[in-house]
Structure formats: structure tokens, C-alpha cells
N, C-alpha and C. Protein backbone atom coordinates (compact mmCIF):
# COMPACT_ATOMS: atom_id res chain seq x y z
N MET A 1 49.89 31.02 19.05
CA MET A 1 49.16 29.85 19.43
C MET A 1 47.74 29.93 18.86
N LEU A 2 47.30 28.87 18.13
CA LEU A 2 45.97 28.81 17.56
C LEU A 2 45.00 28.19 18.56
N ARG A 3 43.84 28.74 18.58
CA ARG A 3 42.79 28.18 19.44
C ARG A 3 41.63 27.75 18.55
N TYR A 4 41.12 26.63 18.87
CA TYR A 4 39.97 26.11 18.14
C TYR A 4 38.77 26.12 19.06
N SER A 5 37.68 26.50 18.52
CA SER A 5 36.45 26.38 19.31
C SER A 5 35.50 25.48 18.54
N LEU A 6 34.77 24.76 19.27
CA LEU A 6 33.83 23.81 18.68
C LEU A 6 32.43 24.23 19.08
N MET A 7 31.63 24.49 18.07
CA MET A 7 30.24 24.83 18.36
C MET A 7 29.39 23.60 18.11
N ILE A 8 28.64 23.26 19.09
CA ILE A 8 27.73 22.12 18.97
C ILE A 8 26.32 22.67 18.97
N GLU A 9 25.63 22.38 17.88
CA GLU A 9 24.25 22.85 17.77
C GLU A 9 23.33 21.74 18.25
N THR A 10 22.45 22.08 19.14
CA THR A 10 21.50 21.10 19.65
C THR A 10 20.39 20.94 18.62
N PRO A 11 20.13 19.71 18.19
CA PRO A 11 19.05 19.52 17.22
C PRO A 11 17.71 19.92 17.81
N ARG A 12 16.81 20.34 16.93
CA ARG A 12 15.48 20.74 17.38
C ARG A 12 14.72 19.59 18.03
N ARG A 13 14.90 18.41 17.46
CA ARG A 13 14.29 17.21 18.03
C ARG A 13 15.40 16.20 18.23
N PRO A 14 15.33 15.43 19.28
CA PRO A 14 16.34 14.38 19.45
C PRO A 14 16.32 13.42 18.27
N MET A 15 17.48 12.88 17.94
CA MET A 15 17.62 11.97 16.79
C MET A 15 16.63 10.81 16.88
N GLN A 16 16.45 10.25 18.06
CA GLN A 16 15.55 9.09 18.18
C GLN A 16 14.12 9.47 17.82
N ASP A 17 13.70 10.69 18.19
CA ASP A 17 12.35 11.13 17.82
C ASP A 17 12.20 11.18 16.31
N ARG A 18 13.23 11.68 15.62
CA ARG A 18 13.17 11.75 14.16
C ARG A 18 13.15 10.35 13.55
N LEU A 19 13.90 9.43 14.16
CA LEU A 19 13.92 8.07 13.64
C LEU A 19 12.62 7.34 13.91
N ASP A 20 11.98 7.67 15.06
CA ASP A 20 10.73 7.01 15.44
C ASP A 20 9.50 7.62 14.80
N ALA A 21 9.65 8.81 14.21
CA ALA A 21 8.50 9.46 13.59
C ALA A 21 7.96 8.58 12.47
N PRO A 22 6.63 8.46 12.41
CA PRO A 22 6.07 7.60 11.36
C PRO A 22 6.40 8.13 9.98
N LYS A 23 6.78 7.22 9.11
CA LYS A 23 7.05 7.60 7.73
C LYS A 23 5.71 7.82 7.04
N PRO A 24 5.67 8.77 6.13
CA PRO A 24 4.40 8.99 5.44
C PRO A 24 4.03 7.76 4.59
N HIS A 25 2.76 7.49 4.51
CA HIS A 25 2.26 6.41 3.65
C HIS A 25 2.00 7.05 2.30
N LEU A 26 2.84 6.71 1.33
CA LEU A 26 2.77 7.35 0.02
C LEU A 26 2.25 6.41 -1.05
N THR A 27 1.63 7.00 -2.05
CA THR A 27 1.23 6.27 -3.25
C THR A 27 1.70 7.09 -4.44
N HIS A 28 2.03 6.41 -5.51
CA HIS A 28 2.57 7.07 -6.70
C HIS A 28 1.54 6.98 -7.82
N PHE A 29 1.21 8.13 -8.40
CA PHE A 29 0.26 8.14 -9.51
C PHE A 29 0.54 9.37 -10.38
N GLY A 30 0.58 9.16 -11.68
CA GLY A 30 0.77 10.27 -12.61
C GLY A 30 2.08 11.01 -12.43
N GLY A 31 3.11 10.29 -11.98
CA GLY A 31 4.41 10.91 -11.80
C GLY A 31 4.58 11.67 -10.50
N LEU A 32 3.59 11.62 -9.63
CA LEU A 32 3.65 12.34 -8.35
C LEU A 32 3.43 11.39 -7.18
N ASN A 33 3.99 11.74 -6.03
CA ASN A 33 3.76 10.99 -4.80
C ASN A 33 2.68 11.70 -3.99
N TYR A 34 1.69 10.93 -3.54
CA TYR A 34 0.60 11.47 -2.75
C TYR A 34 0.64 10.87 -1.35
N ASP A 35 0.30 11.69 -0.38
CA ASP A 35 0.20 11.26 1.01
C ASP A 35 -1.16 10.58 1.19
N VAL A 36 -1.14 9.29 1.43
CA VAL A 36 -2.38 8.51 1.51
C VAL A 36 -3.24 8.99 2.68
N ARG A 37 -2.62 9.36 3.80
CA ARG A 37 -3.42 9.83 4.95
C ARG A 37 -4.22 11.09 4.59
N LYS A 38 -3.64 11.96 3.78
CA LYS A 38 -4.37 13.15 3.35
C LYS A 38 -5.50 12.76 2.40
N LEU A 39 -5.25 11.82 1.52
CA LEU A 39 -6.31 11.35 0.61
C LEU A 39 -7.43 10.68 1.40
N GLU A 40 -7.09 9.90 2.43
CA GLU A 40 -8.11 9.26 3.27
C GLU A 40 -8.97 10.30 3.98
N ALA A 41 -8.34 11.37 4.46
CA ALA A 41 -9.09 12.44 5.13
C ALA A 41 -10.07 13.09 4.16
N ILE A 42 -9.63 13.33 2.94
CA ILE A 42 -10.50 13.92 1.92
C ILE A 42 -11.64 12.96 1.59
N ALA A 43 -11.33 11.67 1.52
CA ALA A 43 -12.32 10.66 1.12
C ALA A 43 -13.38 10.40 2.19
N GLN A 44 -13.15 10.81 3.42
CA GLN A 44 -14.12 10.53 4.49
C GLN A 44 -15.51 11.06 4.17
N SER A 45 -15.58 12.17 3.49
CA SER A 45 -16.89 12.76 3.20
C SER A 45 -17.56 12.16 1.96
N LEU A 46 -16.85 11.29 1.25
CA LEU A 46 -17.40 10.69 0.04
C LEU A 46 -18.29 9.50 0.39
N PRO A 47 -19.25 9.19 -0.48
CA PRO A 47 -20.14 8.05 -0.20
C PRO A 47 -19.38 6.72 -0.23
N ASP A 48 -19.82 5.81 0.63
CA ASP A 48 -19.25 4.47 0.66
C ASP A 48 -19.79 3.68 -0.53
N LYS A 49 -18.91 2.92 -1.15
CA LYS A 49 -19.28 2.04 -2.24
C LYS A 49 -18.69 0.67 -1.94
N THR A 50 -19.16 -0.34 -2.67
CA THR A 50 -18.62 -1.69 -2.49
C THR A 50 -17.95 -2.14 -3.77
N PHE A 51 -16.71 -2.59 -3.64
CA PHE A 51 -15.93 -3.12 -4.75
C PHE A 51 -16.41 -4.55 -4.97
N ASP A 52 -17.09 -4.81 -6.08
CA ASP A 52 -17.62 -6.14 -6.39
C ASP A 52 -16.48 -7.03 -6.86
N LEU A 53 -16.14 -8.02 -6.06
CA LEU A 53 -15.03 -8.92 -6.39
C LEU A 53 -15.47 -10.17 -7.13
N ALA A 54 -16.76 -10.30 -7.37
CA ALA A 54 -17.26 -11.46 -8.09
C ALA A 54 -17.02 -11.34 -9.60
N ASP A 55 -16.86 -10.12 -10.10
CA ASP A 55 -16.65 -9.88 -11.52
C ASP A 55 -15.15 -9.91 -11.82
N SER A 56 -14.62 -11.11 -12.01
CA SER A 56 -13.18 -11.28 -12.18
C SER A 56 -12.66 -10.68 -13.49
N ARG A 57 -13.51 -10.61 -14.52
CA ARG A 57 -13.05 -10.04 -15.80
C ARG A 57 -12.71 -8.56 -15.64
N SER A 58 -13.52 -7.81 -14.91
CA SER A 58 -13.24 -6.38 -14.74
C SER A 58 -12.04 -6.15 -13.83
N LEU A 59 -11.71 -7.12 -13.00
CA LEU A 59 -10.58 -7.00 -12.09
C LEU A 59 -9.25 -7.38 -12.73
N GLU A 60 -9.32 -8.07 -13.86
CA GLU A 60 -8.11 -8.59 -14.50
C GLU A 60 -7.00 -7.56 -14.68
N PRO A 61 -7.29 -6.36 -15.19
CA PRO A 61 -6.19 -5.39 -15.36
C PRO A 61 -5.53 -5.01 -14.02
N ILE A 62 -6.31 -4.97 -12.97
CA ILE A 62 -5.76 -4.64 -11.65
C ILE A 62 -4.92 -5.79 -11.11
N ILE A 63 -5.47 -6.99 -11.19
CA ILE A 63 -4.80 -8.17 -10.63
C ILE A 63 -3.50 -8.47 -11.36
N GLU A 64 -3.46 -8.24 -12.66
CA GLU A 64 -2.28 -8.58 -13.45
C GLU A 64 -1.14 -7.56 -13.34
N GLY A 65 -1.41 -6.41 -12.73
CA GLY A 65 -0.37 -5.39 -12.59
C GLY A 65 0.75 -5.83 -11.67
N LYS A 66 1.93 -5.30 -11.88
CA LYS A 66 3.11 -5.56 -11.04
C LYS A 66 3.39 -4.29 -10.25
N TYR A 67 2.87 -4.23 -9.05
CA TYR A 67 2.92 -3.01 -8.25
C TYR A 67 4.07 -2.97 -7.25
N TRP A 68 4.63 -4.12 -6.94
CA TRP A 68 5.58 -4.22 -5.84
C TRP A 68 6.90 -4.83 -6.29
N LYS A 69 7.89 -4.70 -5.41
CA LYS A 69 9.18 -5.37 -5.58
C LYS A 69 9.36 -6.32 -4.40
N ASP A 70 9.93 -7.49 -4.66
CA ASP A 70 10.26 -8.38 -3.56
C ASP A 70 11.60 -7.95 -2.97
N THR A 71 12.12 -8.69 -2.01
CA THR A 71 13.36 -8.28 -1.34
C THR A 71 14.58 -8.34 -2.24
N GLU A 72 14.46 -8.97 -3.40
CA GLU A 72 15.57 -9.00 -4.36
C GLU A 72 15.35 -8.05 -5.54
N GLY A 73 14.25 -7.28 -5.48
CA GLY A 73 13.99 -6.30 -6.52
C GLY A 73 13.16 -6.80 -7.69
N ALA A 74 12.71 -8.05 -7.65
CA ALA A 74 11.87 -8.58 -8.73
C ALA A 74 10.45 -8.02 -8.60
N SER A 75 9.84 -7.70 -9.73
CA SER A 75 8.47 -7.19 -9.74
C SER A 75 7.47 -8.31 -9.48
N ILE A 76 6.53 -8.03 -8.59
CA ILE A 76 5.45 -8.99 -8.30
C ILE A 76 4.13 -8.22 -8.19
N GLY A 77 3.05 -8.94 -8.30
CA GLY A 77 1.74 -8.31 -8.20
C GLY A 77 0.72 -9.25 -7.59
N PRO A 78 -0.52 -8.78 -7.50
CA PRO A 78 -1.58 -9.58 -6.89
C PRO A 78 -1.73 -10.98 -7.48
N SER A 79 -1.66 -11.11 -8.82
CA SER A 79 -1.87 -12.43 -9.42
C SER A 79 -0.81 -13.42 -8.97
N ASP A 80 0.43 -12.96 -8.75
CA ASP A 80 1.49 -13.85 -8.27
C ASP A 80 1.14 -14.38 -6.88
N LEU A 81 0.74 -13.50 -5.99
CA LEU A 81 0.43 -13.89 -4.62
C LEU A 81 -0.84 -14.74 -4.55
N ILE A 82 -1.85 -14.35 -5.31
CA ILE A 82 -3.11 -15.11 -5.31
C ILE A 82 -2.87 -16.53 -5.83
N SER A 83 -2.16 -16.65 -6.93
CA SER A 83 -1.86 -17.98 -7.50
C SER A 83 -1.08 -18.83 -6.52
N ALA A 84 -0.03 -18.25 -5.94
CA ALA A 84 0.79 -19.01 -5.00
C ALA A 84 -0.02 -19.42 -3.78
N PHE A 85 -0.90 -18.56 -3.31
CA PHE A 85 -1.75 -18.87 -2.15
C PHE A 85 -2.63 -20.08 -2.44
N HIS A 86 -3.26 -20.10 -3.60
CA HIS A 86 -4.15 -21.22 -3.94
C HIS A 86 -3.36 -22.49 -4.27
N GLU A 87 -2.22 -22.34 -4.90
CA GLU A 87 -1.38 -23.50 -5.23
C GLU A 87 -0.77 -24.15 -3.98
N ASN A 88 -0.68 -23.40 -2.90
CA ASN A 88 -0.08 -23.90 -1.67
C ASN A 88 -1.11 -24.14 -0.58
N GLY A 89 -2.27 -24.58 -0.99
CA GLY A 89 -3.30 -24.97 -0.04
C GLY A 89 -3.80 -23.84 0.84
N ARG A 90 -3.79 -22.61 0.31
CA ARG A 90 -4.25 -21.44 1.05
C ARG A 90 -3.48 -21.27 2.36
N ASN A 91 -2.18 -21.52 2.29
CA ASN A 91 -1.33 -21.48 3.47
C ASN A 91 -0.15 -20.52 3.21
N TRP A 92 -0.14 -19.40 3.93
CA TRP A 92 0.90 -18.40 3.72
C TRP A 92 2.29 -18.90 4.09
N GLN A 93 2.38 -19.78 5.09
CA GLN A 93 3.69 -20.32 5.47
C GLN A 93 4.29 -21.12 4.30
N GLN A 94 3.45 -21.88 3.63
CA GLN A 94 3.94 -22.64 2.48
C GLN A 94 4.30 -21.71 1.31
N VAL A 95 3.55 -20.63 1.15
CA VAL A 95 3.89 -19.64 0.12
C VAL A 95 5.28 -19.08 0.40
N LEU A 96 5.53 -18.72 1.66
CA LEU A 96 6.83 -18.16 2.04
C LEU A 96 7.96 -19.17 1.90
N ALA A 97 7.67 -20.44 2.13
CA ALA A 97 8.70 -21.46 1.96
C ALA A 97 9.17 -21.50 0.50
N GLY A 98 8.25 -21.30 -0.42
CA GLY A 98 8.59 -21.31 -1.84
C GLY A 98 9.04 -19.96 -2.38
N HIS A 99 8.66 -18.91 -1.67
CA HIS A 99 8.96 -17.54 -2.13
C HIS A 99 9.38 -16.68 -0.93
N PRO A 100 10.52 -16.95 -0.34
CA PRO A 100 10.92 -16.19 0.85
C PRO A 100 11.12 -14.70 0.57
N THR A 101 11.35 -14.33 -0.67
CA THR A 101 11.56 -12.92 -1.00
C THR A 101 10.26 -12.11 -0.99
N TRP A 102 9.15 -12.78 -0.82
CA TRP A 102 7.85 -12.10 -0.78
C TRP A 102 7.42 -11.77 0.65
N SER A 103 8.29 -11.96 1.61
CA SER A 103 7.91 -11.87 3.03
C SER A 103 7.24 -10.55 3.40
N GLU A 104 7.72 -9.43 2.88
CA GLU A 104 7.15 -8.12 3.21
C GLU A 104 5.68 -8.05 2.77
N HIS A 105 5.39 -8.55 1.59
CA HIS A 105 4.03 -8.44 1.06
C HIS A 105 3.10 -9.47 1.69
N VAL A 106 3.61 -10.63 1.98
CA VAL A 106 2.79 -11.62 2.69
C VAL A 106 2.44 -11.08 4.08
N ALA A 107 3.40 -10.45 4.75
CA ALA A 107 3.13 -9.87 6.06
C ALA A 107 2.04 -8.80 5.96
N LYS A 108 2.11 -7.96 4.94
CA LYS A 108 1.08 -6.93 4.76
C LYS A 108 -0.28 -7.56 4.52
N LEU A 109 -0.32 -8.59 3.68
CA LEU A 109 -1.60 -9.25 3.39
C LEU A 109 -2.20 -9.85 4.66
N ARG A 110 -1.37 -10.36 5.51
CA ARG A 110 -1.86 -11.00 6.73
C ARG A 110 -2.39 -10.00 7.74
N ARG A 111 -1.91 -8.75 7.70
CA ARG A 111 -2.33 -7.79 8.73
C ARG A 111 -3.32 -6.73 8.24
N VAL A 112 -3.55 -6.61 6.94
CA VAL A 112 -4.46 -5.55 6.48
C VAL A 112 -5.88 -5.84 6.90
N SER A 113 -6.64 -4.76 7.03
CA SER A 113 -8.03 -4.85 7.44
C SER A 113 -8.93 -4.35 6.32
N TYR A 114 -10.06 -4.96 6.19
CA TYR A 114 -11.04 -4.52 5.19
C TYR A 114 -11.77 -3.26 5.65
N ALA A 115 -11.56 -2.86 6.90
CA ALA A 115 -12.28 -1.70 7.44
C ALA A 115 -11.89 -0.40 6.74
N THR A 116 -10.64 -0.30 6.30
CA THR A 116 -10.19 0.90 5.60
C THR A 116 -10.56 0.76 4.13
N PRO A 117 -11.36 1.68 3.61
CA PRO A 117 -11.77 1.55 2.20
C PRO A 117 -10.59 1.69 1.23
N VAL A 118 -10.69 0.98 0.14
CA VAL A 118 -9.75 1.13 -0.97
C VAL A 118 -10.02 2.49 -1.59
N LEU A 119 -8.98 3.17 -2.04
CA LEU A 119 -9.15 4.46 -2.70
C LEU A 119 -8.98 4.28 -4.20
N VAL A 120 -9.96 4.77 -4.96
CA VAL A 120 -9.98 4.63 -6.41
C VAL A 120 -10.10 6.01 -7.03
N TYR A 121 -9.33 6.21 -8.11
CA TYR A 121 -9.40 7.46 -8.87
C TYR A 121 -9.38 7.12 -10.35
N LYS A 122 -10.42 7.52 -11.06
CA LYS A 122 -10.54 7.27 -12.51
C LYS A 122 -10.27 5.81 -12.87
N GLY A 123 -10.82 4.89 -12.08
CA GLY A 123 -10.68 3.46 -12.35
C GLY A 123 -9.37 2.85 -11.90
N HIS A 124 -8.48 3.63 -11.31
CA HIS A 124 -7.20 3.12 -10.82
C HIS A 124 -7.24 3.00 -9.31
N VAL A 125 -6.73 1.90 -8.79
CA VAL A 125 -6.61 1.74 -7.34
C VAL A 125 -5.42 2.58 -6.89
N ILE A 126 -5.69 3.60 -6.12
CA ILE A 126 -4.65 4.52 -5.64
C ILE A 126 -4.04 3.97 -4.35
N ASP A 127 -4.85 3.37 -3.52
CA ASP A 127 -4.38 2.74 -2.29
C ASP A 127 -5.31 1.58 -1.97
N GLY A 128 -4.73 0.44 -1.62
CA GLY A 128 -5.55 -0.69 -1.21
C GLY A 128 -5.32 -1.96 -2.01
N ILE A 129 -4.26 -2.02 -2.78
CA ILE A 129 -3.99 -3.23 -3.57
C ILE A 129 -3.78 -4.45 -2.66
N HIS A 130 -3.11 -4.26 -1.52
CA HIS A 130 -2.93 -5.39 -0.60
C HIS A 130 -4.28 -5.85 -0.04
N ARG A 131 -5.17 -4.89 0.31
CA ARG A 131 -6.51 -5.26 0.81
C ARG A 131 -7.30 -6.01 -0.26
N LEU A 132 -7.22 -5.51 -1.48
CA LEU A 132 -7.91 -6.15 -2.59
C LEU A 132 -7.38 -7.56 -2.82
N THR A 133 -6.06 -7.72 -2.77
CA THR A 133 -5.44 -9.03 -2.95
C THR A 133 -5.86 -9.98 -1.85
N LYS A 134 -5.85 -9.50 -0.60
CA LYS A 134 -6.25 -10.34 0.53
C LYS A 134 -7.71 -10.78 0.37
N ALA A 135 -8.57 -9.85 -0.04
CA ALA A 135 -9.99 -10.17 -0.21
C ALA A 135 -10.18 -11.26 -1.27
N LEU A 136 -9.41 -11.17 -2.35
CA LEU A 136 -9.51 -12.19 -3.39
C LEU A 136 -8.98 -13.54 -2.90
N CYS A 137 -7.95 -13.53 -2.09
CA CYS A 137 -7.44 -14.77 -1.50
C CYS A 137 -8.45 -15.38 -0.54
N ASP A 138 -9.10 -14.52 0.22
CA ASP A 138 -10.06 -14.98 1.24
C ASP A 138 -11.43 -15.32 0.67
N GLY A 139 -11.64 -15.02 -0.61
CA GLY A 139 -12.95 -15.31 -1.22
C GLY A 139 -14.03 -14.33 -0.82
N VAL A 140 -13.65 -13.14 -0.40
CA VAL A 140 -14.62 -12.12 -0.01
C VAL A 140 -15.31 -11.60 -1.27
N GLU A 141 -16.61 -11.39 -1.19
CA GLU A 141 -17.38 -10.96 -2.37
C GLU A 141 -17.27 -9.47 -2.66
N GLY A 142 -17.01 -8.68 -1.63
CA GLY A 142 -16.91 -7.24 -1.84
C GLY A 142 -16.22 -6.57 -0.67
N ILE A 143 -15.52 -5.48 -0.96
CA ILE A 143 -14.88 -4.69 0.09
C ILE A 143 -15.18 -3.22 -0.17
N PRO A 144 -15.16 -2.39 0.89
CA PRO A 144 -15.50 -0.98 0.72
C PRO A 144 -14.46 -0.21 -0.06
N PHE A 145 -14.93 0.77 -0.82
CA PHE A 145 -14.02 1.69 -1.49
C PHE A 145 -14.63 3.08 -1.54
N LYS A 146 -13.76 4.05 -1.75
CA LYS A 146 -14.15 5.44 -1.94
C LYS A 146 -13.59 5.87 -3.27
N GLU A 147 -14.43 6.55 -4.06
CA GLU A 147 -13.99 7.01 -5.38
C GLU A 147 -13.70 8.50 -5.32
N LEU A 148 -12.42 8.82 -5.51
CA LEU A 148 -11.99 10.22 -5.48
C LEU A 148 -12.31 10.90 -6.80
N ASP A 149 -12.83 12.12 -6.73
CA ASP A 149 -13.12 12.90 -7.93
C ASP A 149 -11.85 13.56 -8.47
N GLU A 150 -10.90 13.79 -7.59
CA GLU A 150 -9.65 14.43 -7.97
C GLU A 150 -8.55 14.00 -7.01
N LEU A 151 -7.32 14.24 -7.43
CA LEU A 151 -6.16 14.06 -6.55
C LEU A 151 -5.64 15.47 -6.29
N PRO A 152 -6.06 16.06 -5.17
CA PRO A 152 -5.75 17.47 -4.93
C PRO A 152 -4.28 17.75 -4.68
N ALA A 153 -3.87 18.93 -5.08
CA ALA A 153 -2.48 19.35 -4.88
C ALA A 153 -2.09 19.31 -3.41
N ALA A 154 -3.06 19.55 -2.52
CA ALA A 154 -2.77 19.54 -1.09
C ALA A 154 -2.32 18.18 -0.58
N ALA A 155 -2.61 17.12 -1.33
CA ALA A 155 -2.20 15.76 -0.93
C ALA A 155 -0.87 15.34 -1.53
N ILE A 156 -0.29 16.18 -2.39
CA ILE A 156 1.01 15.84 -2.98
C ILE A 156 2.07 15.90 -1.88
N HIS A 157 2.87 14.87 -1.82
CA HIS A 157 3.92 14.81 -0.80
C HIS A 157 5.17 15.51 -1.33
N ALA A 158 5.61 16.50 -0.60
CA ALA A 158 6.84 17.20 -0.96
C ALA A 158 7.99 16.56 -0.20
N ASP A 159 8.96 16.06 -0.92
CA ASP A 159 10.09 15.37 -0.27
C ASP A 159 10.94 16.29 0.53
């Protein structure tokens, strides 16, 4: 007669805790993923600067970039959202009526705060494209940013 035994290993953390744990806020640059919270902690000691939004020519390369995917996988960027916002009477509901696949990014634009500085490294926006886009939609003249001297290995996110 064969006997079977079943060993049940109790997980270290309950499944719900693992599911509820906040996902890291990552940014991708130079082929690596960086933990934005670690970069923000490093940036706290850096001097505050103001991102001048009145100089639209210098912003063009940033605005024209395609940083995001909509819910169908199409590439979109700040210029798409800014144009749609102005073409639809500065009304996000009307933007969503014409572009329902942009819902995730419109939601982010509506909830972001200018209080968190944009992170910049060597002229590239590392984190804060949604804040920058919202500021341009709102006609804000400047928003805070921190300029990182380096992207330290300690901030690289290991999967």
C-alpha cells in the first residue's frame, strides 16, 4: 500500500500582502530600470531649480517624444495630450470621449502634483513627464526640478 504525504509550506507573507505591496515606481534610461523613489531620496539634497516652461523651443524635443503606450499599445506623448486638451476646449472629459484609450494617462495628468520636482539627468527628463505635460496644459510658467549629477548603481532596480 502506497502512502502519500502532502507538505504545505506556509508562505513568509500572506498572498494578499504581496499583492497589496506597492509596486516600485520605475523609470527606464540607458537600458536600465531605476527606482524613482531612490532617485528622489538622492535628489533631496540637491538645489531646487525651476523648469522654465515659457521657452517652448527648448522644450520641443521633450514634448515631441513618445514616452507612453495607450491601452491598445499605440505610442503617445505629451504633444498628443496637449494638442487634444487645447482642441477640446481644455476639457479632459472631451479628450477622453475622442481618445478613450488614453484614460490611464489622462488620469495621471489629473492627479499629479507640482510639489514633487521633476528629475533631470544630462538634459533628459528621468521622471516627471506627466507633471511637465500637466503644467503645459495648465499654462504654468515654471515647475520645480532637481538635476541629478549621476544615476547611481544603488538606484538600479533589480527585477
